[in-house]
């Protein structure tokens, strides 16, 4: 299931909004500064333009090599952007 992974884990004792992002194995926790879940391409573009921090991008987080996220980044969770908007067999 594509949505099997959680939305990240908040750490109660921290005074920041940092969240732990992990892959399906739960063996690769990464502390990211923020998780952003865009609902549209326009929302995604605006967030990318306005952020000053490094960005990491993830989807279902099924990676088994630890490449789920990067520490200290704005982590963009792309799972909601999972539709084909346009397809042209001719233009591939």
C-alpha atoms as a PDB file:
ATOM      1  CA  UNK A   1       0.000   0.000   0.000  1.00  0.00           C
ATOM      2  CA  UNK A   2       1.392   3.339  -1.111  1.00  0.00           C
ATOM      3  CA  UNK A   3       0.159   5.114   2.022  1.00  0.00           C
ATOM      4  CA  UNK A   4       1.422   2.456   4.439  1.00  0.00           C
ATOM      5  CA  UNK A   5       4.133   4.697   5.855  1.00  0.00           C
ATOM      6  CA  UNK A   6       3.052   7.239   8.434  1.00  0.00           C
ATOM      7  CA  UNK A   7       3.275  11.008   8.044  1.00  0.00           C
ATOM      8  CA  UNK A   8       6.327  11.283  10.261  1.00  0.00           C
ATOM      9  CA  UNK A   9       6.799  11.221  14.004  1.00  0.00           C
ATOM     10  CA  UNK A  10       6.802  14.363  16.130  1.00  0.00           C
ATOM     11  CA  UNK A  11       9.190  14.454  19.059  1.00  0.00           C
ATOM     12  CA  UNK A  12       7.303  15.756  22.107  1.00  0.00           C
ATOM     13  CA  UNK A  13      10.270  17.144  24.074  1.00  0.00           C
ATOM     14  CA  UNK A  14      11.619  19.287  21.204  1.00  0.00           C
ATOM     15  CA  UNK A  15      10.703  22.966  21.047  1.00  0.00           C
ATOM     16  CA  UNK A  16      10.913  22.955  17.250  1.00  0.00           C
ATOM     17  CA  UNK A  17       8.685  21.478  14.552  1.00  0.00           C
ATOM     18  CA  UNK A  18      11.252  18.873  13.550  1.00  0.00           C
ATOM     19  CA  UNK A  19       9.827  15.499  12.564  1.00  0.00           C
ATOM     20  CA  UNK A  20      11.348  12.044  12.179  1.00  0.00           C
ATOM     21  CA  UNK A  21      10.867  10.585   8.697  1.00  0.00           C
ATOM     22  CA  UNK A  22      11.629   6.901   8.241  1.00  0.00           C
ATOM     23  CA  UNK A  23      11.444   4.274   5.523  1.00  0.00           C
ATOM     24  CA  UNK A  24       9.289   1.161   5.614  1.00  0.00           C
ATOM     25  CA  UNK A  25      11.911  -0.809   7.574  1.00  0.00           C
ATOM     26  CA  UNK A  26      12.003   1.771  10.398  1.00  0.00           C
ATOM     27  CA  UNK A  27      15.805   1.383  10.375  1.00  0.00           C
ATOM     28  CA  UNK A  28      16.663   4.776   8.845  1.00  0.00           C
ATOM     29  CA  UNK A  29      15.181   7.593  10.963  1.00  0.00           C
ATOM     30  CA  UNK A  30      16.036  11.093   9.738  1.00  0.00           C
ATOM     31  CA  UNK A  31      15.238  14.322  11.572  1.00  0.00           C
ATOM     32  CA  UNK A  32      13.878  16.848   9.059  1.00  0.00           C
ATOM     33  CA  UNK A  33      13.004  20.480   9.750  1.00  0.00           C
ATOM     34  CA  UNK A  34       9.566  20.357   8.147  1.00  0.00           C
ATOM     35  CA  UNK A  35       7.342  18.015   6.147  1.00  0.00           C
ATOM     36  CA  UNK A  36       5.304  19.550   3.346  1.00  0.00           C
ATOM     37  CA  UNK A  37       2.521  17.641   1.576  1.00  0.00           C
ATOM     38  CA  UNK A  38       1.503  19.550  -1.570  1.00  0.00           C
ATOM     39  CA  UNK A  39      -1.958  19.005  -3.000  1.00  0.00           C
ATOM     40  CA  UNK A  40      -1.237  20.695  -6.345  1.00  0.00           C
ATOM     41  CA  UNK A  41       1.632  21.523  -8.679  1.00  0.00           C
ATOM     42  CA  UNK A  42       1.052  25.226  -7.985  1.00  0.00           C
ATOM     43  CA  UNK A  43       1.312  24.672  -4.232  1.00  0.00           C
ATOM     44  CA  UNK A  44       4.520  22.685  -4.736  1.00  0.00           C
ATOM     45  CA  UNK A  45       6.078  25.343  -6.985  1.00  0.00           C
ATOM     46  CA  UNK A  46       5.265  28.147  -4.528  1.00  0.00           C
ATOM     47  CA  UNK A  47       6.793  26.250  -1.595  1.00  0.00           C
ATOM     48  CA  UNK A  48       9.978  25.485  -3.525  1.00  0.00           C
ATOM     49  CA  UNK A  49      10.334  29.122  -4.593  1.00  0.00           C
ATOM     50  CA  UNK A  50       9.810  30.428  -1.060  1.00  0.00           C
ATOM     51  CA  UNK A  51      12.022  28.040   0.927  1.00  0.00           C
ATOM     52  CA  UNK A  52      15.554  28.972   1.932  1.00  0.00           C
ATOM     53  CA  UNK A  53      16.569  25.564   3.302  1.00  0.00           C
ATOM     54  CA  UNK A  54      17.791  22.458   1.456  1.00  0.00           C
ATOM     55  CA  UNK A  55      15.018  20.192   0.126  1.00  0.00           C
ATOM     56  CA  UNK A  56      14.575  16.423   0.165  1.00  0.00           C
ATOM     57  CA  UNK A  57      11.807  14.657  -1.749  1.00  0.00           C
ATOM     58  CA  UNK A  58      10.060  11.406  -0.888  1.00  0.00           C
ATOM     59  CA  UNK A  59       7.114   9.305  -1.914  1.00  0.00           C
ATOM     60  CA  UNK A  60       6.099   5.981  -0.428  1.00  0.00           C
ATOM     61  CA  UNK A  61       9.437   5.754   1.418  1.00  0.00           C
ATOM     62  CA  UNK A  62      10.061   2.143   0.448  1.00  0.00           C
ATOM     63  CA  UNK A  63      13.785   2.696  -0.038  1.00  0.00           C
ATOM     64  CA  UNK A  64      15.927   0.199   1.756  1.00  0.00           C
ATOM     65  CA  UNK A  65      19.148   2.175   1.585  1.00  0.00           C
ATOM     66  CA  UNK A  66      18.419   5.139   3.832  1.00  0.00           C
ATOM     67  CA  UNK A  67      17.689   7.639   1.050  1.00  0.00           C
ATOM     68  CA  UNK A  68      14.303   8.527   2.529  1.00  0.00           C
ATOM     69  CA  UNK A  69      15.163  12.101   3.525  1.00  0.00           C
ATOM     70  CA  UNK A  70      18.082  14.314   4.479  1.00  0.00           C
ATOM     71  CA  UNK A  71      18.733  15.787   7.899  1.00  0.00           C
ATOM     72  CA  UNK A  72      17.761  19.420   8.372  1.00  0.00           C
ATOM     73  CA  UNK A  73      15.743  19.744   5.174  1.00  0.00           C
ATOM     74  CA  UNK A  74      12.282  20.701   4.061  1.00  0.00           C
ATOM     75  CA  UNK A  75      11.008  17.217   3.208  1.00  0.00           C
ATOM     76  CA  UNK A  76       8.432  17.220   0.412  1.00  0.00           C
ATOM     77  CA  UNK A  77       6.072  14.244   0.646  1.00  0.00           C
ATOM     78  CA  UNK A  78       4.873  13.673  -2.926  1.00  0.00           C
ATOM     79  CA  UNK A  79       2.305  10.939  -2.196  1.00  0.00           C
ATOM     80  CA  UNK A  80      -0.717  13.184  -2.835  1.00  0.00           C
ATOM     81  CA  UNK A  81       0.587  14.122  -6.293  1.00  0.00           C
ATOM     82  CA  UNK A  82       0.040  10.670  -7.741  1.00  0.00           C
ATOM     83  CA  UNK A  83      -2.039  11.265 -10.866  1.00  0.00           C
ATOM     84  CA  UNK A  84      -1.044  11.442 -14.523  1.00  0.00           C
ATOM     85  CA  UNK A  85      -2.179  14.889 -15.675  1.00  0.00           C
ATOM     86  CA  UNK A  86      -1.208  14.557 -19.304  1.00  0.00           C
ATOM     87  CA  UNK A  87       0.149  11.829 -21.552  1.00  0.00           C
ATOM     88  CA  UNK A  88       1.136  11.877 -25.208  1.00  0.00           C
ATOM     89  CA  UNK A  89       2.334   8.627 -26.722  1.00  0.00           C
ATOM     90  CA  UNK A  90       3.546  10.621 -29.708  1.00  0.00           C
ATOM     91  CA  UNK A  91       5.691  13.036 -27.651  1.00  0.00           C
ATOM     92  CA  UNK A  92       6.753  10.528 -24.969  1.00  0.00           C
END
